Amino acid sequence: MQLSSDRSGLQARLIAATHALAGDDPAVRFGVAVSGGPDSMALLYLAARAFPERVAAVTVDHRLRPASADEAAMVARWCAGQGIAHHIATPDAPPSGNIQAWARAQRYRLIEQWRSAQGIDWVMTAHHADDQLETLLMRLNRGSGVGGLAGVRERSGTVIRPLLGVRKAALQRLVDEEAVPHVHDPSNADPRFDRAALRVALTGADWLNPEAAARSAAALAEAEAALDWSVAELAARHVGRDGDQWRLDRTDLPREYLRRLVLHMLNAAAPNAALPRGDALDRAIVAAQAGGQANLGDWLLRGGPVWTLRAAPPRGHFQKVPQSDA
């Protein structure tokens, strides 16, 4: 009877996490993003039983592998047998740039189109505790700050991830014991991809606790939300537009606040521009604190009692003030 206990326990955890993220309105409808892998098939299996007649599924076939159409069809057949509405979405443009980034962007775009068209309230994805641990380690290795180390968020817009506290092994065991069909994407074990290489490196590292890492990520996400709230308060009081430039009239703040306030000004000045990160932003903050100035892409940040941000002059028309080593 261990099987029944495992299944009911996972279902109870899914219900509790979903209610915490999306409320417990019995009229709410859920979509489940299903690739056909064991994680997403386990999520669909659990969600369909936890929220009967309130769940639909969507599969994005990126058409990057010959087998992907068959895998999407497998999901469709299983859904038909379970009485679950299912839709297969395909990109309308060829791949470009970084393939993984392209695939992710296409996936979320197509899922959101489907969600909106179907009147679905929330979309669940099957990110789990092992995914969260991998994300944390990858970002730690890149020198991420609080926001990056918050990892995969439990909720992003209309997307919720109620399995972030559940181990991948538990999901695999569920689909095996319940004979839920599933496939394994070979790219998940392809060492050319950073995440796959890390996954191999973590094999056998039993001293790492993914569930504990997931709790740490959740705590950091709360810290990030608190920082965002306080930055919004500071920006409302101390950031303003003055003609063709933006002004920050309080700079006696911890550096993390200064970073975020400068990013706030940049986003206000150029909402669609890529924002600087890491060393480039830190160098500009150091220069401004020393009373100097520095370029941030197409913008010039100038220090002093009041910091200003304005469009940078054309190259060759302005000589940069030397930066202090402070």
C-alpha atoms as a PDB file:
ATOM      1  CA  MET A   1       0.000   0.000   0.000  1.00  0.00           C
ATOM      2  CA  GLN A   2       3.064   2.236  -0.193  1.00  0.00           C
ATOM      3  CA  LEU A   3       2.033   3.213  -3.735  1.00  0.00           C
ATOM      4  CA  SER A   4      -1.299   4.655  -2.640  1.00  0.00           C
ATOM      5  CA  SER A   5       0.379   6.577   0.163  1.00  0.00           C
ATOM      6  CA  ASP A   6       2.980   8.082  -2.211  1.00  0.00           C
ATOM      7  CA  ARG A   7       0.366   9.099  -4.740  1.00  0.00           C
ATOM      8  CA  SER A   8      -2.006  10.591  -2.192  1.00  0.00           C
ATOM      9  CA  GLY A   9       0.882  12.409  -0.524  1.00  0.00           C
ATOM     10  CA  LEU A  10       2.020  13.965  -3.791  1.00  0.00           C
ATOM     11  CA  GLN A  11      -1.553  14.904  -4.628  1.00  0.00           C
ATOM     12  CA  ALA A  12      -2.019  16.557  -1.247  1.00  0.00           C
ATOM     13  CA  ARG A  13       1.223  18.509  -1.707  1.00  0.00           C
ATOM     14  CA  LEU A  14       0.094  19.643  -5.151  1.00  0.00           C
ATOM     15  CA  ILE A  15      -3.258  20.839  -3.826  1.00  0.00           C
ATOM     16  CA  ALA A  16      -1.667  22.704  -0.922  1.00  0.00           C
ATOM     17  CA  ALA A  17       0.961  24.386  -3.109  1.00  0.00           C
ATOM     18  CA  THR A  18      -1.587  25.305  -5.773  1.00  0.00           C
ATOM     19  CA  HIS A  19      -3.949  26.847  -3.234  1.00  0.00           C
ATOM     20  CA  ALA A  20      -1.049  28.845  -1.763  1.00  0.00           C
ATOM     21  CA  LEU A  21      -0.096  30.161  -5.200  1.00  0.00           C
ATOM     22  CA  ALA A  22      -3.469  30.581  -6.909  1.00  0.00           C
ATOM     23  CA  GLY A  23      -6.117  30.490  -4.188  1.00  0.00           C
ATOM     24  CA  ASP A  24      -8.820  27.868  -3.752  1.00  0.00           C
ATOM     25  CA  ASP A  25     -11.646  29.201  -5.940  1.00  0.00           C
ATOM     26  CA  PRO A  26     -13.453  26.069  -7.207  1.00  0.00           C
ATOM     27  CA  ALA A  27     -14.234  27.819 -10.499  1.00  0.00           C
ATOM     28  CA  VAL A  28     -10.577  28.360 -11.426  1.00  0.00           C
ATOM     29  CA  ARG A  29      -9.324  26.380 -14.423  1.00  0.00           C
ATOM     30  CA  PHE A  30      -5.790  25.080 -14.816  1.00  0.00           C
ATOM     31  CA  GLY A  31      -3.664  24.366 -17.842  1.00  0.00           C
ATOM     32  CA  VAL A  32      -0.736  21.974 -17.603  1.00  0.00           C
ATOM     33  CA  ALA A  33       2.288  22.373 -19.887  1.00  0.00           C
ATOM     34  CA  VAL A  34       3.189  18.811 -20.883  1.00  0.00           C
ATOM     35  CA  SER A  35       6.270  17.831 -22.874  1.00  0.00           C
ATOM     36  CA  GLY A  36       5.730  14.101 -22.522  1.00  0.00           C
ATOM     37  CA  GLY A  37       8.603  13.687 -20.067  1.00  0.00           C
ATOM     38  CA  PRO A  38       8.082  11.950 -16.711  1.00  0.00           C
ATOM     39  CA  ASP A  39       7.918  15.198 -14.719  1.00  0.00           C
ATOM     40  CA  SER A  40       5.173  16.868 -16.735  1.00  0.00           C
ATOM     41  CA  MET A  41       3.222  13.639 -17.186  1.00  0.00           C
ATOM     42  CA  ALA A  42       3.298  13.132 -13.402  1.00  0.00           C
ATOM     43  CA  LEU A  43       2.056  16.695 -12.906  1.00  0.00           C
ATOM     44  CA  LEU A  44      -0.782  16.169 -15.383  1.00  0.00           C
ATOM     45  CA  TYR A  45      -1.730  12.862 -13.751  1.00  0.00           C
ATOM     46  CA  LEU A  46      -1.859  14.491 -10.303  1.00  0.00           C
ATOM     47  CA  ALA A  47      -3.579  17.693 -11.410  1.00  0.00           C
ATOM     48  CA  ALA A  48      -6.334  15.855 -13.271  1.00  0.00           C
ATOM     49  CA  ARG A  49      -7.158  13.950 -10.076  1.00  0.00           C
ATOM     50  CA  ALA A  50      -6.707  16.876  -7.723  1.00  0.00           C
ATOM     51  CA  PHE A  51      -8.878  19.232  -9.798  1.00  0.00           C
ATOM     52  CA  PRO A  52     -11.242  17.011 -11.810  1.00  0.00           C
ATOM     53  CA  GLU A  53     -12.847  18.559 -14.913  1.00  0.00           C
ATOM     54  CA  ARG A  54     -10.858  21.760 -14.331  1.00  0.00           C
ATOM     55  CA  VAL A  55      -7.652  20.771 -16.129  1.00  0.00           C
ATOM     56  CA  ALA A  56      -6.560  20.987 -19.771  1.00  0.00           C
ATOM     57  CA  ALA A  57      -3.148  20.250 -21.265  1.00  0.00           C
ATOM     58  CA  VAL A  58      -0.939  21.820 -23.900  1.00  0.00           C
ATOM     59  CA  THR A  59       2.160  20.435 -25.607  1.00  0.00           C
ATOM     60  CA  VAL A  60       4.558  22.610 -27.594  1.00  0.00           C
ATOM     61  CA  ASP A  61       6.221  20.708 -30.421  1.00  0.00           C
ATOM     62  CA  HIS A  62       9.284  22.787 -31.295  1.00  0.00           C
ATOM     63  CA  ARG A  63      10.035  20.462 -34.231  1.00  0.00           C
ATOM     64  CA  LEU A  64      13.689  20.339 -33.245  1.00  0.00           C
ATOM     65  CA  ARG A  65      13.867  16.536 -33.161  1.00  0.00           C
ATOM     66  CA  PRO A  66      12.354  13.939 -35.524  1.00  0.00           C
ATOM     67  CA  ALA A  67      10.647  12.178 -32.602  1.00  0.00           C
ATOM     68  CA  SER A  68       8.949  15.279 -31.191  1.00  0.00           C
ATOM     69  CA  ALA A  69       5.748  14.889 -33.229  1.00  0.00           C
ATOM     70  CA  ASP A  70       5.338  11.290 -32.056  1.00  0.00           C
ATOM     71  CA  GLU A  71       5.899  12.374 -28.466  1.00  0.00           C
ATOM     72  CA  ALA A  72       3.223  15.071 -28.726  1.00  0.00           C
ATOM     73  CA  ALA A  73       0.870  12.506 -30.261  1.00  0.00           C
ATOM     74  CA  MET A  74       1.562  10.151 -27.349  1.00  0.00           C
ATOM     75  CA  VAL A  75       0.478  12.847 -24.904  1.00  0.00           C
ATOM     76  CA  ALA A  76      -2.635  13.510 -26.992  1.00  0.00           C
ATOM     77  CA  ARG A  77      -3.619   9.818 -26.951  1.00  0.00           C
ATOM     78  CA  TRP A  78      -3.197   9.528 -23.204  1.00  0.00           C
ATOM     79  CA  CYS A  79      -5.205  12.710 -22.612  1.00  0.00           C
ATOM     80  CA  ALA A  80      -7.991  11.431 -24.865  1.00  0.00           C
ATOM     81  CA  GLY A  81      -8.151   8.245 -22.831  1.00  0.00           C
ATOM     82  CA  GLN A  82      -8.364  10.257 -19.603  1.00  0.00           C
ATOM     83  CA  GLY A  83     -10.951  12.728 -20.891  1.00  0.00           C
ATOM     84  CA  ILE A  84      -8.514  15.652 -20.682  1.00  0.00           C
ATOM     85  CA  ALA A  85      -8.662  18.369 -23.347  1.00  0.00           C
ATOM     86  CA  HIS A  86      -5.285  18.615 -25.088  1.00  0.00           C
ATOM     87  CA  HIS A  87      -3.759  20.977 -27.642  1.00  0.00           C
ATOM     88  CA  ILE A  88      -0.528  20.715 -29.646  1.00  0.00           C
ATOM     89  CA  ALA A  89       1.100  24.064 -30.506  1.00  0.00           C
ATOM     90  CA  THR A  90       3.947  24.563 -32.992  1.00  0.00           C
ATOM     91  CA  PRO A  91       6.145  27.626 -33.628  1.00  0.00           C
ATOM     92  CA  ASP A  92       5.396  29.638 -36.749  1.00  0.00           C
ATOM     93  CA  ALA A  93       9.014  30.746 -37.260  1.00  0.00           C
ATOM     94  CA  PRO A  94      12.247  28.785 -37.715  1.00  0.00           C
ATOM     95  CA  PRO A  95      14.799  28.537 -34.892  1.00  0.00           C
ATOM     96  CA  SER A  96      17.266  31.389 -34.518  1.00  0.00           C
ATOM     97  CA  GLY A  97      20.094  32.402 -32.204  1.00  0.00           C
ATOM     98  CA  ASN A  98      20.579  30.349 -29.076  1.00  0.00           C
ATOM     99  CA  ILE A  99      18.392  27.281 -29.632  1.00  0.00           C
ATOM    100  CA  GLN A 100      17.503  26.723 -25.979  1.00  0.00           C
ATOM    101  CA  ALA A 101      16.619  30.393 -25.468  1.00  0.00           C
ATOM    102  CA  TRP A 102      14.564  30.389 -28.682  1.00  0.00           C
ATOM    103  CA  ALA A 103      12.722  27.229 -27.650  1.00  0.00           C
ATOM    104  CA  ARG A 104      11.933  28.615 -24.198  1.00  0.00           C
ATOM    105  CA  ALA A 105      10.632  31.909 -25.617  1.00  0.00           C
ATOM    106  CA  GLN A 106       8.489  30.107 -28.174  1.00  0.00           C
ATOM    107  CA  ARG A 107       7.147  27.715 -25.547  1.00  0.00           C
ATOM    108  CA  TYR A 108       5.951  30.410 -23.181  1.00  0.00           C
ATOM    109  CA  ARG A 109       4.563  32.554 -26.012  1.00  0.00           C
ATOM    110  CA  LEU A 110       2.531  29.699 -27.477  1.00  0.00           C
ATOM    111  CA  ILE A 111       1.333  28.514 -24.074  1.00  0.00           C
ATOM    112  CA  GLU A 112       0.157  32.017 -23.180  1.00  0.00           C
ATOM    113  CA  GLN A 113      -1.721  32.315 -26.490  1.00  0.00           C
ATOM    114  CA  TRP A 114      -3.444  29.006 -25.786  1.00  0.00           C
ATOM    115  CA  ARG A 115      -4.223  29.949 -22.173  1.00  0.00           C
ATOM    116  CA  SER A 116      -5.797  33.233 -23.171  1.00  0.00           C
ATOM    117  CA  ALA A 117      -7.829  31.701 -26.009  1.00  0.00           C
ATOM    118  CA  GLN A 118      -9.166  28.932 -23.757  1.00  0.00           C
ATOM    119  CA  GLY A 119     -10.025  31.179 -20.814  1.00  0.00           C
ATOM    120  CA  ILE A 120      -7.700  29.257 -18.510  1.00  0.00           C
ATOM    121  CA  ASP A 121      -6.697  31.017 -15.318  1.00  0.00           C
ATOM    122  CA  TRP A 122      -3.340  29.454 -14.447  1.00  0.00           C
ATOM    123  CA  VAL A 123      -0.765  27.332 -16.251  1.00  0.00           C
ATOM    124  CA  MET A 124       1.200  24.779 -14.245  1.00  0.00           C
ATOM    125  CA  THR A 125       4.693  23.685 -15.193  1.00  0.00           C
ATOM    126  CA  ALA A 126       6.527  20.697 -13.718  1.00  0.00           C
ATOM    127  CA  HIS A 127       9.688  22.363 -12.407  1.00  0.00           C
ATOM    128  CA  HIS A 128      10.783  20.437  -9.328  1.00  0.00           C
ATOM    129  CA  ALA A 129      13.332  20.571  -6.505  1.00  0.00           C
ATOM    130  CA  ASP A 130      16.140  19.051  -8.591  1.00  0.00           C
ATOM    131  CA  ASP A 131      15.581  21.699 -11.279  1.00  0.00           C
ATOM    132  CA  GLN A 132      15.803  24.365  -8.603  1.00  0.00           C
ATOM    133  CA  LEU A 133      19.084  23.006  -7.235  1.00  0.00           C
ATOM    134  CA  GLU A 134      20.595  22.951 -10.745  1.00  0.00           C
ATOM    135  CA  THR A 135      19.445  26.520 -11.363  1.00  0.00           C
ATOM    136  CA  LEU A 136      20.915  27.742  -8.084  1.00  0.00           C
ATOM    137  CA  LEU A 137      24.287  26.111  -8.750  1.00  0.00           C
ATOM    138  CA  MET A 138      24.456  27.425 -12.312  1.00  0.00           C
ATOM    139  CA  ARG A 139      23.693  30.960 -11.172  1.00  0.00           C
ATOM    140  CA  LEU A 140      26.058  30.728  -8.217  1.00  0.00           C
ATOM    141  CA  ASN A 141      28.772  29.747 -10.665  1.00  0.00           C
ATOM    142  CA  ARG A 142      27.988  32.887 -12.683  1.00  0.00           C
ATOM    143  CA  GLY A 143      28.212  35.195  -9.678  1.00  0.00           C
ATOM    144  CA  SER A 144      24.492  36.003  -9.474  1.00  0.00           C
ATOM    145  CA  GLY A 145      23.060  38.195  -6.745  1.00  0.00           C
ATOM    146  CA  VAL A 146      19.886  37.818  -4.696  1.00  0.00           C
ATOM    147  CA  GLY A 147      17.560  37.917  -7.690  1.00  0.00           C
ATOM    148  CA  GLY A 148      19.431  35.232  -9.604  1.00  0.00           C
ATOM    149  CA  LEU A 149      19.875  32.994  -6.576  1.00  0.00           C
ATOM    150  CA  ALA A 150      16.125  33.127  -5.946  1.00  0.00           C
ATOM    151  CA  GLY A 151      16.094  30.597  -8.773  1.00  0.00           C
ATOM    152  CA  VAL A 152      12.945  29.466 -10.530  1.00  0.00           C
ATOM    153  CA  ARG A 153      10.011  31.454  -9.164  1.00  0.00           C
ATOM    154  CA  GLU A 154       6.954  29.679  -7.804  1.00  0.00           C
ATOM    155  CA  ARG A 155       4.764  32.135  -9.702  1.00  0.00           C
ATOM    156  CA  SER A 156       5.479  34.254 -12.769  1.00  0.00           C
ATOM    157  CA  GLY A 157       2.493  36.068 -14.175  1.00  0.00           C
ATOM    158  CA  THR A 158      -0.119  33.375 -14.844  1.00  0.00           C
ATOM    159  CA  VAL A 159       2.425  30.528 -14.609  1.00  0.00           C
ATOM    160  CA  ILE A 160       2.684  28.578 -11.354  1.00  0.00           C
ATOM    161  CA  ARG A 161       5.162  25.866 -10.398  1.00  0.00           C
ATOM    162  CA  PRO A 162       3.608  23.887  -7.526  1.00  0.00           C
ATOM    163  CA  LEU A 163       6.149  21.034  -7.555  1.00  0.00           C
ATOM    164  CA  LEU A 164       9.277  23.019  -6.651  1.00  0.00           C
ATOM    165  CA  GLY A 165       9.463  21.241  -3.307  1.00  0.00           C
ATOM    166  CA  VAL A 166       9.137  17.737  -4.818  1.00  0.00           C
ATOM    167  CA  ARG A 167      12.035  15.501  -5.872  1.00  0.00           C
ATOM    168  CA  LYS A 168      12.318  14.308  -9.462  1.00  0.00           C
ATOM    169  CA  ALA A 169      12.707  10.712  -8.256  1.00  0.00           C
ATOM    170  CA  ALA A 170       9.245  10.839  -6.663  1.00  0.00           C
ATOM    171  CA  LEU A 171       7.706  11.964  -9.956  1.00  0.00           C
ATOM    172  CA  GLN A 172       9.529   9.254 -11.898  1.00  0.00           C
ATOM    173  CA  ARG A 173       8.381   6.641  -9.398  1.00  0.00           C
ATOM    174  CA  LEU A 174       4.786   7.812  -9.744  1.00  0.00           C
ATOM    175  CA  VAL A 175       4.635   7.477 -13.541  1.00  0.00           C
ATOM    176  CA  ASP A 176       6.388   4.112 -13.382  1.00  0.00           C
ATOM    177  CA  GLU A 177       4.041   2.690 -10.763  1.00  0.00           C
ATOM    178  CA  GLU A 178       0.894   4.124 -12.356  1.00  0.00           C
ATOM    179  CA  ALA A 179       2.002   3.057 -15.867  1.00  0.00           C
ATOM    180  CA  VAL A 180       1.689   6.606 -17.172  1.00  0.00           C
ATOM    181  CA  PRO A 181       3.392   6.742 -20.598  1.00  0.00           C
ATOM    182  CA  HIS A 182       6.348   9.083 -20.876  1.00  0.00           C
ATOM    183  CA  VAL A 183       9.500   9.721 -22.881  1.00  0.00           C
ATOM    184  CA  HIS A 184      13.003  10.927 -22.078  1.00  0.00           C
ATOM    185  CA  ASP A 185      14.287  13.842 -24.131  1.00  0.00           C
ATOM    186  CA  PRO A 186      17.886  12.989 -25.158  1.00  0.00           C
ATOM    187  CA  SER A 187      18.872  16.659 -24.953  1.00  0.00           C
ATOM    188  CA  ASN A 188      18.458  16.436 -21.171  1.00  0.00           C
ATOM    189  CA  ALA A 189      21.577  14.261 -21.101  1.00  0.00           C
ATOM    190  CA  ASP A 190      23.521  16.062 -23.839  1.00  0.00           C
ATOM    191  CA  PRO A 191      26.736  17.420 -22.241  1.00  0.00           C
ATOM    192  CA  ARG A 192      26.886  20.220 -24.818  1.00  0.00           C
ATOM    193  CA  PHE A 193      24.210  21.958 -22.741  1.00  0.00           C
ATOM    194  CA  ASP A 194      25.287  23.494 -19.429  1.00  0.00           C
ATOM    195  CA  ARG A 195      22.382  22.136 -17.426  1.00  0.00           C
ATOM    196  CA  ALA A 196      22.844  18.609 -18.742  1.00  0.00           C
ATOM    197  CA  ALA A 197      26.565  18.702 -17.935  1.00  0.00           C
ATOM    198  CA  LEU A 198      25.799  19.904 -14.413  1.00  0.00           C
ATOM    199  CA  ARG A 199      23.192  17.158 -14.004  1.00  0.00           C
ATOM    200  CA  VAL A 200      25.831  14.557 -14.816  1.00  0.00           C
ATOM    201  CA  ALA A 201      28.274  16.164 -12.374  1.00  0.00           C
ATOM    202  CA  LEU A 202      25.656  16.032  -9.617  1.00  0.00           C
ATOM    203  CA  THR A 203      25.042  12.317 -10.072  1.00  0.00           C
ATOM    204  CA  GLY A 204      25.838  10.618  -6.794  1.00  0.00           C
ATOM    205  CA  ALA A 205      26.236  13.896  -4.860  1.00  0.00           C
ATOM    206  CA  ASP A 206      23.874  12.714  -2.145  1.00  0.00           C
ATOM    207  CA  TRP A 207      25.200  15.295   0.311  1.00  0.00           C
ATOM    208  CA  LEU A 208      23.364  17.989  -1.685  1.00  0.00           C
ATOM    209  CA  ASN A 209      19.728  18.291  -0.608  1.00  0.00           C
ATOM    210  CA  PRO A 210      17.494  19.624  -3.423  1.00  0.00           C
ATOM    211  CA  GLU A 211      14.537  20.124  -1.078  1.00  0.00           C
ATOM    212  CA  ALA A 212      16.661  22.276   1.241  1.00  0.00           C
ATOM    213  CA  ALA A 213      17.953  24.215  -1.787  1.00  0.00           C
ATOM    214  CA  ALA A 214      14.352  24.808  -2.867  1.00  0.00           C
ATOM    215  CA  ARG A 215      13.570  26.250   0.572  1.00  0.00           C
ATOM    216  CA  SER A 216      16.608  28.540   0.335  1.00  0.00           C
ATOM    217  CA  ALA A 217      15.521  29.706  -3.110  1.00  0.00           C
ATOM    218  CA  ALA A 218      12.036  30.456  -1.776  1.00  0.00           C
ATOM    219  CA  ALA A 219      13.544  32.503   1.072  1.00  0.00           C
ATOM    220  CA  LEU A 220      15.697  34.438  -1.396  1.00  0.00           C
ATOM    221  CA  ALA A 221      12.656  35.055  -3.597  1.00  0.00           C
ATOM    222  CA  GLU A 222      10.930  36.624  -0.583  1.00  0.00           C
ATOM    223  CA  ALA A 223      14.015  38.757   0.069  1.00  0.00           C
ATOM    224  CA  GLU A 224      14.004  39.843  -3.568  1.00  0.00           C
ATOM    225  CA  ALA A 225      10.340  40.803  -3.325  1.00  0.00           C
ATOM    226  CA  ALA A 226      11.096  42.852  -0.198  1.00  0.00           C
ATOM    227  CA  LEU A 227      13.947  44.642  -1.979  1.00  0.00           C
ATOM    228  CA  ASP A 228      11.695  45.380  -4.959  1.00  0.00           C
ATOM    229  CA  TRP A 229       9.093  46.851  -2.628  1.00  0.00           C
ATOM    230  CA  SER A 230      11.558  49.115  -0.834  1.00  0.00           C
ATOM    231  CA  VAL A 231      13.189  50.200  -4.112  1.00  0.00           C
ATOM    232  CA  ALA A 232       9.778  51.207  -5.450  1.00  0.00           C
ATOM    233  CA  GLU A 233       9.267  53.305  -2.311  1.00  0.00           C
ATOM    234  CA  LEU A 234      12.695  54.937  -2.677  1.00  0.00           C
ATOM    235  CA  ALA A 235      12.199  55.575  -6.389  1.00  0.00           C
ATOM    236  CA  ALA A 236       8.840  57.246  -5.788  1.00  0.00           C
ATOM    237  CA  ARG A 237      10.525  59.689  -3.384  1.00  0.00           C
ATOM    238  CA  HIS A 238      13.955  60.224  -4.915  1.00  0.00           C
ATOM    239  CA  VAL A 239      13.880  59.524  -8.675  1.00  0.00           C
ATOM    240  CA  GLY A 240      12.403  62.022 -11.086  1.00  0.00           C
ATOM    241  CA  ARG A 241      12.612  63.305 -14.605  1.00  0.00           C
ATOM    242  CA  ASP A 242      14.164  66.699 -15.273  1.00  0.00           C
ATOM    243  CA  GLY A 243      13.838  67.601 -18.928  1.00  0.00           C
ATOM    244  CA  ASP A 244      15.912  65.180 -20.975  1.00  0.00           C
ATOM    245  CA  GLN A 245      17.535  63.534 -17.984  1.00  0.00           C
ATOM    246  CA  TRP A 246      16.634  61.464 -14.927  1.00  0.00           C
ATOM    247  CA  ARG A 247      17.749  62.430 -11.428  1.00  0.00           C
ATOM    248  CA  LEU A 248      18.470  60.477  -8.247  1.00  0.00           C
ATOM    249  CA  ASP A 249      18.633  62.916  -5.336  1.00  0.00           C
ATOM    250  CA  ARG A 250      19.554  60.464  -2.592  1.00  0.00           C
ATOM    251  CA  THR A 251      22.744  58.456  -2.879  1.00  0.00           C
ATOM    252  CA  ASP A 252      23.700  57.733   0.756  1.00  0.00           C
ATOM    253  CA  LEU A 253      22.327  54.228   0.364  1.00  0.00           C
ATOM    254  CA  PRO A 254      23.786  50.708   0.386  1.00  0.00           C
ATOM    255  CA  ARG A 255      25.246  49.797  -2.975  1.00  0.00           C
ATOM    256  CA  GLU A 256      22.556  47.217  -3.721  1.00  0.00           C
ATOM    257  CA  TYR A 257      19.918  49.942  -3.512  1.00  0.00           C
ATOM    258  CA  LEU A 258      21.994  52.197  -5.759  1.00  0.00           C
ATOM    259  CA  ARG A 259      22.297  49.419  -8.343  1.00  0.00           C
ATOM    260  CA  ARG A 260      18.569  48.901  -8.373  1.00  0.00           C
ATOM    261  CA  LEU A 261      17.749  52.607  -8.494  1.00  0.00           C
ATOM    262  CA  VAL A 262      20.094  53.138 -11.450  1.00  0.00           C
ATOM    263  CA  LEU A 263      18.442  50.194 -13.206  1.00  0.00           C
ATOM    264  CA  HIS A 264      15.083  51.773 -12.386  1.00  0.00           C
ATOM    265  CA  MET A 265      16.161  54.997 -14.085  1.00  0.00           C
ATOM    266  CA  LEU A 266      17.494  53.133 -17.110  1.00  0.00           C
ATOM    267  CA  ASN A 267      14.275  51.180 -17.458  1.00  0.00           C
ATOM    268  CA  ALA A 268      12.247  54.383 -17.186  1.00  0.00           C
ATOM    269  CA  ALA A 269      14.438  56.112 -19.773  1.00  0.00           C
ATOM    270  CA  ALA A 270      14.532  53.208 -22.254  1.00  0.00           C
ATOM    271  CA  PRO A 271      11.915  50.554 -21.369  1.00  0.00           C
ATOM    272  CA  ASN A 272      12.892  48.163 -24.156  1.00  0.00           C
ATOM    273  CA  ALA A 273      16.660  48.413 -23.842  1.00  0.00           C
ATOM    274  CA  ALA A 274      18.825  45.636 -22.417  1.00  0.00           C
ATOM    275  CA  LEU A 275      19.889  46.516 -18.892  1.00  0.00           C
ATOM    276  CA  PRO A 276      23.552  46.309 -17.818  1.00  0.00           C
ATOM    277  CA  ARG A 277      24.508  43.808 -15.163  1.00  0.00           C
ATOM    278  CA  GLY A 278      27.508  42.666 -13.175  1.00  0.00           C
ATOM    279  CA  ASP A 279      30.834  44.430 -13.566  1.00  0.00           C
ATOM    280  CA  ALA A 280      29.621  47.097 -16.005  1.00  0.00           C
ATOM    281  CA  LEU A 281      26.964  48.299 -13.580  1.00  0.00           C
ATOM    282  CA  ASP A 282      29.296  48.094 -10.576  1.00  0.00           C
ATOM    283  CA  ARG A 283      31.989  50.143 -12.334  1.00  0.00           C
ATOM    284  CA  ALA A 284      29.430  52.833 -13.136  1.00  0.00           C
ATOM    285  CA  ILE A 285      28.257  52.917  -9.504  1.00  0.00           C
ATOM    286  CA  VAL A 286      31.862  53.273  -8.248  1.00  0.00           C
ATOM    287  CA  ALA A 287      32.498  56.107 -10.708  1.00  0.00           C
ATOM    288  CA  ALA A 288      29.325  57.954  -9.693  1.00  0.00           C
ATOM    289  CA  GLN A 289      30.114  57.546  -5.990  1.00  0.00           C
ATOM    290  CA  ALA A 290      33.491  59.182  -6.653  1.00  0.00           C
ATOM    291  CA  GLY A 291      31.822  62.097  -8.421  1.00  0.00           C
ATOM    292  CA  GLY A 292      32.767  60.844 -11.877  1.00  0.00           C
ATOM    293  CA  GLN A 293      30.746  59.545 -14.781  1.00  0.00           C
ATOM    294  CA  ALA A 294      30.476  56.394 -16.840  1.00  0.00           C
ATOM    295  CA  ASN A 295      28.660  55.079 -19.853  1.00  0.00           C
ATOM    296  CA  LEU A 296      25.947  52.456 -19.476  1.00  0.00           C
ATOM    297  CA  GLY A 297      25.258  51.442 -23.050  1.00  0.00           C
ATOM    298  CA  ASP A 298      23.717  54.472 -24.760  1.00  0.00           C
ATOM    299  CA  TRP A 299      23.336  56.360 -21.487  1.00  0.00           C
ATOM    300  CA  LEU A 300      25.649  58.448 -19.341  1.00  0.00           C
ATOM    301  CA  LEU A 301      25.508  58.226 -15.555  1.00  0.00           C
ATOM    302  CA  ARG A 302      27.065  61.228 -13.790  1.00  0.00           C
ATOM    303  CA  GLY A 303      27.746  61.357 -10.057  1.00  0.00           C
ATOM    304  CA  GLY A 304      27.874  64.215  -7.576  1.00  0.00           C
ATOM    305  CA  PRO A 305      25.417  65.319  -4.870  1.00  0.00           C
ATOM    306  CA  VAL A 306      22.649  64.368  -7.306  1.00  0.00           C
ATOM    307  CA  TRP A 307      23.149  61.576  -9.827  1.00  0.00           C
ATOM    308  CA  THR A 308      21.865  62.141 -13.331  1.00  0.00           C
ATOM    309  CA  LEU A 309      21.227  59.848 -16.269  1.00  0.00           C
ATOM    310  CA  ARG A 310      20.990  61.159 -19.801  1.00  0.00           C
ATOM    311  CA  ALA A 311      21.600  59.980 -23.347  1.00  0.00           C
ATOM    312  CA  ALA A 312      25.349  59.685 -23.959  1.00  0.00           C
ATOM    313  CA  PRO A 313      26.904  62.052 -26.501  1.00  0.00           C
ATOM    314  CA  PRO A 314      28.086  60.496 -29.781  1.00  0.00           C
ATOM    315  CA  ARG A 315      31.431  58.782 -29.407  1.00  0.00           C
ATOM    316  CA  GLY A 316      34.336  61.151 -29.936  1.00  0.00           C
ATOM    317  CA  HIS A 317      32.362  64.167 -28.711  1.00  0.00           C
ATOM    318  CA  PHE A 318      32.970  63.617 -25.044  1.00  0.00           C
ATOM    319  CA  GLN A 319      35.928  62.748 -22.885  1.00  0.00           C
ATOM    320  CA  LYS A 320      35.240  60.426 -20.009  1.00  0.00           C
ATOM    321  CA  VAL A 321      36.206  61.689 -16.559  1.00  0.00           C
ATOM    322  CA  PRO A 322      38.808  59.359 -14.991  1.00  0.00           C
ATOM    323  CA  GLN A 323      37.272  56.956 -12.482  1.00  0.00           C
ATOM    324  CA  SER A 324      38.442  56.762  -8.919  1.00  0.00           C
ATOM    325  CA  ASP A 325      39.929  53.545  -7.606  1.00  0.00           C
ATOM    326  CA  ALA A 326      37.722  53.904  -4.527  1.00  0.00           C
END
